[in-house]
N, C-alpha and C. Protein backbone atom coordinates (compact mmCIF):
# COMPACT_ATOMS: atom_id res chain seq x y z
N MET A 1 102.66 2.40 140.46
CA MET A 1 102.17 3.68 140.93
C MET A 1 101.99 4.57 139.70
N THR A 2 100.81 5.10 139.57
CA THR A 2 100.56 5.97 138.42
C THR A 2 101.25 7.31 138.61
N LYS A 3 101.32 8.04 137.53
CA LYS A 3 102.03 9.31 137.55
C LYS A 3 101.34 10.34 138.45
N SER A 4 100.01 10.31 138.49
CA SER A 4 99.32 11.32 139.28
C SER A 4 99.61 11.17 140.78
N LEU A 5 99.60 9.95 141.29
CA LEU A 5 99.91 9.75 142.70
C LEU A 5 101.36 10.13 142.98
N TYR A 6 102.23 9.76 142.07
CA TYR A 6 103.64 10.11 142.23
C TYR A 6 103.82 11.63 142.25
N LYS A 7 103.10 12.31 141.37
CA LYS A 7 103.20 13.77 141.32
C LYS A 7 102.74 14.40 142.63
N VAL A 8 101.62 13.90 143.15
CA VAL A 8 101.08 14.45 144.40
C VAL A 8 102.07 14.21 145.54
N GLN A 9 102.62 13.00 145.63
CA GLN A 9 103.59 12.70 146.67
C GLN A 9 104.83 13.59 146.55
N LYS A 10 105.29 13.79 145.33
CA LYS A 10 106.48 14.61 145.11
C LYS A 10 106.22 16.06 145.51
N GLN A 11 105.04 16.59 145.12
CA GLN A 11 104.72 17.98 145.47
C GLN A 11 104.62 18.17 146.97
N ILE A 12 103.97 17.23 147.65
CA ILE A 12 103.80 17.36 149.10
C ILE A 12 105.13 17.21 149.82
N SER A 13 105.93 16.24 149.38
CA SER A 13 107.23 16.06 150.06
C SER A 13 108.15 17.25 149.81
N LYS A 14 108.07 17.85 148.64
CA LYS A 14 108.88 19.02 148.35
C LYS A 14 108.44 20.19 149.25
N LYS A 15 107.12 20.32 149.41
CA LYS A 15 106.58 21.41 150.23
C LYS A 15 106.93 21.22 151.71
N ARG A 16 106.97 19.96 152.15
CA ARG A 16 107.19 19.69 153.57
C ARG A 16 108.66 19.36 153.88
N GLY A 17 109.52 19.57 152.93
CA GLY A 17 110.94 19.34 153.19
C GLY A 17 111.31 17.87 153.16
N GLY A 18 110.62 17.08 152.38
CA GLY A 18 110.96 15.66 152.23
C GLY A 18 110.33 14.73 153.25
N LYS A 19 109.43 15.22 154.09
CA LYS A 19 108.83 14.37 155.12
C LYS A 19 107.34 14.16 154.82
N LEU A 20 106.99 12.95 154.40
CA LEU A 20 105.59 12.63 154.14
C LEU A 20 104.92 11.96 155.32
N ASN A 21 105.70 11.46 156.26
CA ASN A 21 105.12 10.69 157.36
C ASN A 21 104.59 11.56 158.49
N ALA A 22 104.79 12.84 158.44
CA ALA A 22 104.37 13.72 159.53
C ALA A 22 103.15 14.54 159.15
N LEU A 23 102.18 13.91 158.45
CA LEU A 23 100.96 14.61 158.05
C LEU A 23 99.87 14.41 159.08
N HIS A 24 99.11 15.45 159.30
CA HIS A 24 97.93 15.34 160.15
C HIS A 24 96.86 14.57 159.39
N GLU A 25 96.05 13.80 160.08
CA GLU A 25 95.08 12.92 159.44
C GLU A 25 94.09 13.66 158.55
N ASP A 26 93.62 14.82 158.99
CA ASP A 26 92.61 15.55 158.22
C ASP A 26 93.18 16.77 157.49
N SER A 27 94.47 16.80 157.28
CA SER A 27 95.05 17.95 156.59
C SER A 27 94.73 17.90 155.10
N ARG A 28 94.89 19.04 154.44
CA ARG A 28 94.62 19.10 152.99
C ARG A 28 95.56 18.19 152.22
N ASP A 29 96.81 18.13 152.64
CA ASP A 29 97.77 17.28 151.95
C ASP A 29 97.40 15.80 152.10
N ALA A 30 96.97 15.40 153.27
CA ALA A 30 96.57 14.00 153.50
C ALA A 30 95.34 13.67 152.64
N LYS A 31 94.43 14.62 152.53
CA LYS A 31 93.25 14.39 151.69
C LYS A 31 93.64 14.27 150.23
N ARG A 32 94.60 15.11 149.77
CA ARG A 32 95.08 15.00 148.38
C ARG A 32 95.70 13.64 148.13
N LEU A 33 96.48 13.16 149.08
CA LEU A 33 97.10 11.85 148.94
C LEU A 33 96.05 10.74 148.88
N ARG A 34 95.04 10.82 149.75
CA ARG A 34 93.98 9.80 149.74
C ARG A 34 93.21 9.82 148.43
N ARG A 35 92.90 11.03 147.92
CA ARG A 35 92.19 11.13 146.64
C ARG A 35 93.02 10.54 145.50
N ALA A 36 94.30 10.87 145.48
CA ALA A 36 95.18 10.35 144.41
C ALA A 36 95.31 8.84 144.51
N SER A 37 95.40 8.33 145.73
CA SER A 37 95.49 6.89 145.91
C SER A 37 94.20 6.19 145.49
N ALA A 38 93.07 6.78 145.83
CA ALA A 38 91.78 6.21 145.43
C ALA A 38 91.62 6.24 143.91
N ARG A 39 92.08 7.31 143.29
CA ARG A 39 92.02 7.40 141.82
C ARG A 39 92.89 6.32 141.19
N GLU A 40 94.07 6.10 141.75
CA GLU A 40 94.95 5.06 141.23
C GLU A 40 94.31 3.67 141.36
N ASP A 41 93.71 3.41 142.52
CA ASP A 41 93.04 2.12 142.73
C ASP A 41 91.87 1.94 141.76
N ARG A 42 91.10 2.98 141.56
CA ARG A 42 89.95 2.91 140.66
C ARG A 42 90.40 2.65 139.22
N LEU A 43 91.44 3.34 138.78
CA LEU A 43 91.96 3.13 137.42
C LEU A 43 92.49 1.72 137.24
N ALA A 44 93.17 1.20 138.26
CA ALA A 44 93.69 -0.17 138.17
C ALA A 44 92.55 -1.18 138.13
N ARG A 45 91.51 -0.95 138.91
CA ARG A 45 90.35 -1.87 138.93
C ARG A 45 89.63 -1.86 137.58
N VAL A 46 89.43 -0.67 137.01
CA VAL A 46 88.76 -0.57 135.71
C VAL A 46 89.61 -1.23 134.62
N ALA A 47 90.91 -1.02 134.66
CA ALA A 47 91.79 -1.64 133.67
C ALA A 47 91.76 -3.16 133.79
N ALA A 48 91.71 -3.68 135.01
CA ALA A 48 91.65 -5.13 135.20
C ALA A 48 90.33 -5.70 134.69
N GLU A 49 89.22 -4.98 134.93
CA GLU A 49 87.92 -5.44 134.44
C GLU A 49 87.87 -5.44 132.92
N MET A 50 88.41 -4.40 132.30
CA MET A 50 88.42 -4.35 130.84
C MET A 50 89.29 -5.46 130.26
N SER A 51 90.41 -5.70 130.89
CA SER A 51 91.30 -6.76 130.42
C SER A 51 90.62 -8.12 130.52
N LYS A 52 89.89 -8.33 131.61
CA LYS A 52 89.17 -9.60 131.80
C LYS A 52 88.05 -9.75 130.78
N ALA A 53 87.36 -8.67 130.47
CA ALA A 53 86.27 -8.72 129.49
C ALA A 53 86.80 -8.98 128.09
N ARG A 54 87.97 -8.47 127.78
CA ARG A 54 88.55 -8.64 126.44
C ARG A 54 89.19 -10.00 126.25
N GLN A 55 89.53 -10.68 127.33
CA GLN A 55 90.30 -11.91 127.24
C GLN A 55 89.58 -12.99 126.43
N GLY A 56 88.27 -13.09 126.55
CA GLY A 56 87.53 -14.09 125.79
C GLY A 56 87.65 -13.87 124.29
N TYR A 57 87.60 -12.63 123.86
CA TYR A 57 87.75 -12.31 122.44
C TYR A 57 89.18 -12.57 121.98
N LEU A 58 90.16 -12.26 122.83
CA LEU A 58 91.56 -12.52 122.46
C LEU A 58 91.81 -14.02 122.32
N ASP A 59 91.23 -14.81 123.22
CA ASP A 59 91.37 -16.26 123.12
C ASP A 59 90.74 -16.79 121.85
N ARG A 60 89.60 -16.22 121.49
CA ARG A 60 88.90 -16.63 120.27
C ARG A 60 89.75 -16.35 119.04
N ILE A 61 90.32 -15.17 118.97
CA ILE A 61 91.12 -14.81 117.80
C ILE A 61 92.41 -15.62 117.77
N ALA A 62 92.97 -15.90 118.94
CA ALA A 62 94.17 -16.75 119.00
C ALA A 62 93.84 -18.17 118.52
N PHE A 63 92.64 -18.66 118.80
CA PHE A 63 92.23 -19.98 118.32
C PHE A 63 92.18 -19.99 116.80
N PHE A 64 91.61 -18.95 116.20
CA PHE A 64 91.54 -18.89 114.74
C PHE A 64 92.93 -18.72 114.13
N GLN A 65 93.82 -18.05 114.85
CA GLN A 65 95.20 -17.94 114.38
C GLN A 65 95.85 -19.32 114.35
N GLU A 66 95.62 -20.12 115.38
CA GLU A 66 96.16 -21.48 115.41
C GLU A 66 95.55 -22.34 114.31
N CYS A 67 94.26 -22.15 114.04
CA CYS A 67 93.61 -22.89 112.95
C CYS A 67 94.26 -22.56 111.61
N LEU A 68 94.59 -21.30 111.41
CA LEU A 68 95.26 -20.90 110.17
C LEU A 68 96.65 -21.53 110.06
N LYS A 69 97.36 -21.58 111.18
CA LYS A 69 98.69 -22.16 111.17
C LYS A 69 98.64 -23.66 110.90
N GLU A 70 97.57 -24.32 111.38
CA GLU A 70 97.43 -25.76 111.18
C GLU A 70 96.92 -26.10 109.78
N ALA A 71 96.24 -25.16 109.14
CA ALA A 71 95.66 -25.43 107.83
C ALA A 71 96.76 -25.79 106.84
N THR A 72 96.50 -26.84 106.07
CA THR A 72 97.52 -27.29 105.12
C THR A 72 97.66 -26.33 103.95
N GLU A 73 96.54 -25.76 103.51
CA GLU A 73 96.59 -24.84 102.37
C GLU A 73 95.79 -23.58 102.71
N PRO A 74 96.41 -22.62 103.39
CA PRO A 74 95.69 -21.40 103.77
C PRO A 74 95.57 -20.39 102.63
N VAL A 75 95.76 -20.85 101.38
CA VAL A 75 95.69 -19.93 100.25
C VAL A 75 94.28 -19.38 100.09
N SER A 76 93.28 -20.23 100.22
CA SER A 76 91.90 -19.76 100.14
C SER A 76 91.05 -20.52 101.15
N ILE A 77 90.28 -19.79 101.90
CA ILE A 77 89.41 -20.39 102.91
C ILE A 77 87.98 -20.02 102.55
N SER A 78 87.13 -21.01 102.47
CA SER A 78 85.73 -20.78 102.09
C SER A 78 84.89 -20.56 103.35
N ASP A 79 83.63 -20.22 103.12
CA ASP A 79 82.70 -20.04 104.23
C ASP A 79 82.49 -21.36 104.98
N ALA A 80 82.50 -22.47 104.25
CA ALA A 80 82.34 -23.79 104.89
C ALA A 80 83.53 -24.09 105.80
N ASP A 81 84.73 -23.70 105.37
CA ASP A 81 85.91 -23.89 106.21
C ASP A 81 85.80 -23.05 107.48
N MET A 82 85.33 -21.83 107.34
CA MET A 82 85.16 -20.97 108.51
C MET A 82 84.12 -21.56 109.46
N ALA A 83 83.04 -22.11 108.91
CA ALA A 83 82.02 -22.73 109.76
C ALA A 83 82.61 -23.94 110.48
N ALA A 84 83.48 -24.69 109.82
CA ALA A 84 84.14 -25.82 110.47
C ALA A 84 85.06 -25.34 111.60
N PHE A 85 85.76 -24.23 111.37
CA PHE A 85 86.60 -23.66 112.42
C PHE A 85 85.76 -23.25 113.62
N VAL A 86 84.60 -22.64 113.36
CA VAL A 86 83.72 -22.21 114.44
C VAL A 86 83.21 -23.43 115.21
N ASN A 87 82.84 -24.49 114.50
CA ASN A 87 82.38 -25.71 115.19
C ASN A 87 83.49 -26.30 116.04
N ARG A 88 84.72 -26.29 115.55
CA ARG A 88 85.85 -26.75 116.35
C ARG A 88 86.03 -25.88 117.59
N TYR A 89 85.83 -24.58 117.43
CA TYR A 89 85.96 -23.66 118.56
C TYR A 89 84.87 -23.93 119.60
N ILE A 90 83.65 -24.13 119.14
CA ILE A 90 82.53 -24.35 120.06
C ILE A 90 82.72 -25.65 120.84
N HIS A 91 83.20 -26.67 120.18
CA HIS A 91 83.32 -27.99 120.81
C HIS A 91 84.74 -28.30 121.27
N ARG A 92 85.52 -27.26 121.57
CA ARG A 92 86.92 -27.46 121.95
C ARG A 92 87.07 -28.12 123.31
N SER A 93 86.07 -28.06 124.16
CA SER A 93 86.20 -28.64 125.50
C SER A 93 85.29 -29.84 125.71
N ASP A 94 84.81 -30.46 124.63
CA ASP A 94 83.93 -31.61 124.76
C ASP A 94 84.60 -32.79 125.45
N SER A 95 85.88 -33.03 125.16
CA SER A 95 86.57 -34.16 125.79
C SER A 95 86.70 -33.96 127.30
N GLU A 96 86.94 -32.71 127.71
CA GLU A 96 87.03 -32.43 129.15
C GLU A 96 85.67 -32.59 129.82
N ILE A 97 84.60 -32.18 129.14
CA ILE A 97 83.26 -32.35 129.70
C ILE A 97 82.94 -33.84 129.86
N GLU A 98 83.26 -34.63 128.85
CA GLU A 98 83.02 -36.08 128.93
C GLU A 98 83.83 -36.70 130.07
N GLN A 99 85.07 -36.28 130.22
CA GLN A 99 85.91 -36.81 131.29
C GLN A 99 85.32 -36.47 132.66
N LEU A 100 84.87 -35.23 132.82
CA LEU A 100 84.27 -34.83 134.10
C LEU A 100 82.98 -35.59 134.37
N GLN A 101 82.19 -35.87 133.33
CA GLN A 101 80.97 -36.64 133.51
C GLN A 101 81.27 -38.08 133.90
N GLN A 102 82.33 -38.66 133.34
CA GLN A 102 82.69 -40.03 133.67
C GLN A 102 83.25 -40.14 135.09
N GLU A 103 83.97 -39.12 135.54
CA GLU A 103 84.55 -39.14 136.88
C GLU A 103 83.49 -38.93 137.97
N ARG A 104 82.39 -38.33 137.60
CA ARG A 104 81.35 -38.02 138.57
C ARG A 104 80.61 -39.30 138.96
N ARG A 105 80.38 -39.46 140.23
CA ARG A 105 79.63 -40.63 140.69
C ARG A 105 78.17 -40.48 140.32
N LYS A 106 77.51 -41.61 140.18
CA LYS A 106 76.11 -41.61 139.78
C LYS A 106 75.25 -40.92 140.83
N GLY A 107 74.36 -40.04 140.37
CA GLY A 107 73.46 -39.33 141.28
C GLY A 107 74.04 -38.05 141.84
N ARG A 108 75.28 -37.73 141.53
CA ARG A 108 75.90 -36.51 142.02
C ARG A 108 75.67 -35.37 141.04
N PRO A 109 75.56 -34.14 141.55
CA PRO A 109 75.41 -33.00 140.63
C PRO A 109 76.73 -32.72 139.93
N PRO A 110 76.67 -32.06 138.78
CA PRO A 110 77.91 -31.74 138.05
C PRO A 110 78.76 -30.74 138.84
N SER A 111 80.06 -30.80 138.60
CA SER A 111 80.98 -29.89 139.27
C SER A 111 80.83 -28.49 138.68
N LYS A 112 81.40 -27.53 139.36
CA LYS A 112 81.34 -26.14 138.88
C LYS A 112 82.06 -26.00 137.55
N ARG A 113 83.17 -26.70 137.39
CA ARG A 113 83.93 -26.64 136.15
C ARG A 113 83.10 -27.20 135.00
N GLU A 114 82.45 -28.33 135.24
CA GLU A 114 81.61 -28.93 134.19
C GLU A 114 80.46 -28.00 133.83
N ASP A 115 79.82 -27.43 134.83
CA ASP A 115 78.73 -26.48 134.57
C ASP A 115 79.21 -25.30 133.74
N ALA A 116 80.38 -24.77 134.08
CA ALA A 116 80.91 -23.61 133.36
C ALA A 116 81.22 -23.97 131.91
N LEU A 117 81.79 -25.14 131.68
CA LEU A 117 82.12 -25.55 130.31
C LEU A 117 80.86 -25.79 129.47
N VAL A 118 79.86 -26.42 130.07
CA VAL A 118 78.60 -26.67 129.34
C VAL A 118 77.90 -25.34 129.04
N GLN A 119 77.92 -24.44 130.00
CA GLN A 119 77.29 -23.13 129.79
C GLN A 119 78.02 -22.34 128.71
N ARG A 120 79.34 -22.38 128.72
CA ARG A 120 80.12 -21.68 127.69
C ARG A 120 79.83 -22.25 126.30
N ARG A 121 79.75 -23.57 126.20
CA ARG A 121 79.45 -24.19 124.92
C ARG A 121 78.05 -23.79 124.45
N GLY A 122 77.08 -23.75 125.37
CA GLY A 122 75.72 -23.33 125.02
C GLY A 122 75.67 -21.89 124.54
N MET A 123 76.41 -21.01 125.19
CA MET A 123 76.43 -19.61 124.77
C MET A 123 77.07 -19.46 123.40
N ASP A 124 78.14 -20.23 123.14
CA ASP A 124 78.79 -20.17 121.83
C ASP A 124 77.88 -20.70 120.74
N GLU A 125 77.14 -21.77 121.02
CA GLU A 125 76.19 -22.31 120.03
C GLU A 125 75.08 -21.31 119.74
N LYS A 126 74.60 -20.65 120.78
CA LYS A 126 73.56 -19.63 120.60
C LYS A 126 74.08 -18.47 119.76
N GLU A 127 75.32 -18.05 120.03
CA GLU A 127 75.91 -16.97 119.25
C GLU A 127 76.10 -17.39 117.79
N PHE A 128 76.45 -18.65 117.57
CA PHE A 128 76.65 -19.14 116.20
C PHE A 128 75.35 -19.13 115.43
N LYS A 129 74.24 -19.39 116.08
CA LYS A 129 72.94 -19.35 115.40
C LYS A 129 72.60 -17.92 114.98
N ALA A 130 72.92 -16.95 115.84
CA ALA A 130 72.60 -15.55 115.54
C ALA A 130 73.66 -14.90 114.66
N GLY A 131 74.91 -15.27 114.85
CA GLY A 131 76.02 -14.67 114.10
C GLY A 131 77.26 -14.67 114.96
N PHE A 132 78.22 -15.51 114.64
CA PHE A 132 79.44 -15.68 115.43
C PHE A 132 80.47 -14.64 115.02
N TRP A 133 80.95 -13.84 115.97
CA TRP A 133 81.91 -12.77 115.69
C TRP A 133 83.29 -13.39 115.50
N MET A 134 83.91 -13.11 114.35
CA MET A 134 85.22 -13.67 114.05
C MET A 134 85.89 -12.86 112.96
N PRO A 135 87.21 -13.03 112.77
CA PRO A 135 87.88 -12.35 111.67
C PRO A 135 87.43 -12.94 110.33
N ASP A 136 87.40 -12.12 109.30
CA ASP A 136 86.99 -12.58 107.97
C ASP A 136 88.17 -13.29 107.31
N LEU A 137 88.22 -14.60 107.46
CA LEU A 137 89.36 -15.39 106.98
C LEU A 137 89.33 -15.61 105.48
N THR A 138 88.27 -15.17 104.81
CA THR A 138 88.23 -15.33 103.35
C THR A 138 89.10 -14.30 102.65
N GLN A 139 89.47 -13.24 103.33
CA GLN A 139 90.29 -12.19 102.73
C GLN A 139 91.77 -12.45 103.01
N GLU A 140 92.56 -12.28 101.98
CA GLU A 140 94.00 -12.56 102.07
C GLU A 140 94.71 -11.65 103.07
N ASP A 141 94.38 -10.34 103.07
CA ASP A 141 95.07 -9.42 103.98
C ASP A 141 94.76 -9.72 105.44
N VAL A 142 93.55 -10.19 105.72
CA VAL A 142 93.19 -10.54 107.09
C VAL A 142 93.97 -11.78 107.53
N ARG A 143 94.10 -12.75 106.63
CA ARG A 143 94.86 -13.96 106.96
C ARG A 143 96.33 -13.62 107.23
N THR A 144 96.91 -12.77 106.38
CA THR A 144 98.32 -12.40 106.58
C THR A 144 98.50 -11.65 107.90
N PHE A 145 97.57 -10.74 108.18
CA PHE A 145 97.66 -9.99 109.43
C PHE A 145 97.51 -10.92 110.63
N LEU A 146 96.57 -11.87 110.53
CA LEU A 146 96.32 -12.78 111.64
C LEU A 146 97.51 -13.71 111.89
N MET A 147 98.17 -14.12 110.83
CA MET A 147 99.35 -14.98 110.99
C MET A 147 100.49 -14.24 111.72
N ALA A 148 100.56 -12.92 111.53
CA ALA A 148 101.63 -12.13 112.15
C ALA A 148 101.17 -11.45 113.44
N TRP A 149 99.93 -11.68 113.85
CA TRP A 149 99.37 -11.01 115.04
C TRP A 149 100.13 -11.43 116.29
N ASN A 150 100.41 -10.47 117.18
CA ASN A 150 101.20 -10.73 118.37
C ASN A 150 100.37 -10.91 119.64
N GLY A 151 99.04 -10.88 119.54
CA GLY A 151 98.19 -11.08 120.71
C GLY A 151 97.76 -9.79 121.38
N ASP A 152 98.03 -8.66 120.76
CA ASP A 152 97.72 -7.36 121.35
C ASP A 152 96.31 -6.92 120.94
N TRP A 153 95.53 -6.43 121.90
CA TRP A 153 94.15 -6.01 121.65
C TRP A 153 94.10 -4.81 120.72
N SER A 154 94.95 -3.83 120.93
CA SER A 154 94.86 -2.59 120.16
C SER A 154 95.22 -2.79 118.69
N SER A 155 95.99 -3.81 118.38
CA SER A 155 96.35 -4.02 116.98
C SER A 155 95.22 -4.65 116.16
N LEU A 156 94.16 -5.09 116.81
CA LEU A 156 93.06 -5.74 116.09
C LEU A 156 92.14 -4.74 115.38
N SER A 157 92.29 -3.48 115.67
CA SER A 157 91.37 -2.48 115.09
C SER A 157 91.51 -2.36 113.58
N SER A 158 92.64 -2.77 113.03
CA SER A 158 92.82 -2.66 111.58
C SER A 158 92.35 -3.92 110.83
N MET A 159 91.91 -4.94 111.56
CA MET A 159 91.46 -6.18 110.94
C MET A 159 89.95 -6.11 110.65
N LYS A 160 89.51 -6.82 109.61
CA LYS A 160 88.09 -6.86 109.28
C LYS A 160 87.44 -8.05 109.96
N PHE A 161 86.27 -7.81 110.55
CA PHE A 161 85.54 -8.85 111.26
C PHE A 161 84.17 -9.05 110.63
N ILE A 162 83.63 -10.24 110.83
CA ILE A 162 82.30 -10.57 110.31
C ILE A 162 81.51 -11.27 111.40
N ARG A 163 80.22 -11.40 111.14
CA ARG A 163 79.35 -12.26 111.94
C ARG A 163 78.91 -13.38 111.01
N LEU A 164 79.32 -14.60 111.31
CA LEU A 164 78.99 -15.76 110.50
C LEU A 164 77.92 -16.56 111.23
N SER A 165 76.77 -16.74 110.57
CA SER A 165 75.69 -17.50 111.20
C SER A 165 75.76 -18.95 110.78
N GLN A 166 75.01 -19.77 111.47
CA GLN A 166 75.00 -21.20 111.21
C GLN A 166 74.45 -21.51 109.82
N ASP A 167 73.60 -20.62 109.31
CA ASP A 167 73.03 -20.80 107.98
C ASP A 167 74.02 -20.47 106.87
N GLY A 168 75.18 -19.93 107.22
CA GLY A 168 76.19 -19.57 106.23
C GLY A 168 76.10 -18.13 105.79
N ILE A 169 75.29 -17.33 106.46
CA ILE A 169 75.12 -15.92 106.10
C ILE A 169 76.21 -15.11 106.82
N LYS A 170 76.89 -14.24 106.04
CA LYS A 170 77.93 -13.39 106.58
C LYS A 170 77.44 -11.94 106.62
N HIS A 171 77.72 -11.28 107.73
CA HIS A 171 77.44 -9.85 107.88
C HIS A 171 78.73 -9.17 108.34
N ALA A 172 78.96 -7.99 107.83
CA ALA A 172 80.12 -7.22 108.28
C ALA A 172 79.91 -6.83 109.74
N SER A 173 80.99 -6.80 110.49
CA SER A 173 80.91 -6.47 111.91
C SER A 173 81.96 -5.42 112.23
N SER A 174 81.88 -4.91 113.43
CA SER A 174 82.81 -3.86 113.83
C SER A 174 83.74 -4.38 114.93
N PHE A 175 84.76 -3.61 115.19
CA PHE A 175 85.68 -3.92 116.29
C PHE A 175 85.66 -2.74 117.23
N PRO A 176 85.55 -2.91 118.48
CA PRO A 176 85.27 -4.12 119.23
C PRO A 176 83.82 -4.55 119.05
N PRO A 177 83.52 -5.82 119.31
CA PRO A 177 82.15 -6.31 119.08
C PRO A 177 81.16 -5.67 120.05
N LYS A 178 80.04 -5.24 119.50
CA LYS A 178 78.99 -4.62 120.31
C LYS A 178 77.68 -5.28 119.90
N GLY A 179 77.08 -6.02 120.78
CA GLY A 179 75.80 -6.66 120.47
C GLY A 179 75.92 -7.53 119.26
N LEU A 180 75.07 -7.31 118.27
CA LEU A 180 75.13 -8.09 117.04
C LEU A 180 75.60 -7.23 115.89
N SER A 181 76.56 -6.35 116.12
CA SER A 181 77.07 -5.48 115.06
C SER A 181 77.93 -6.23 114.11
């Protein structure tokens, strides 16, 4: 329960002597309660949508964090290494796609899961051609920050990001990602 709904309930119950259940349907107090409840629902819905939209980027950064932890010598990472990381990220679900294709009977359409995985891989490949949004792993401070990152969205604002294209061209990017910035 957000603070605003709680405040409205507290004010009304204080005014009515602690009884909230004896409100008339169209009274001003009932309307205030409905407005506060609708505001709380709207805020929760918007927060859930934003969290869902950010989750793909958080998963991407967590993948690069795991790549750094797996790297044998994270002292210096070149652009070619970053491109290899991106290719690993793009093709991370290829084995599952192959398994789903093998399980499918001949002449049957692909499952929804297979369609979603193939579509996601296609979108990632398209983004890689134009410029794949990722942390700039060539910089030492970004690598140190990424190794200590706790998975929080708001802490990413201090990290430097780039757009790495398939041709090996790097462009500075902003956080949060907007279009091809």
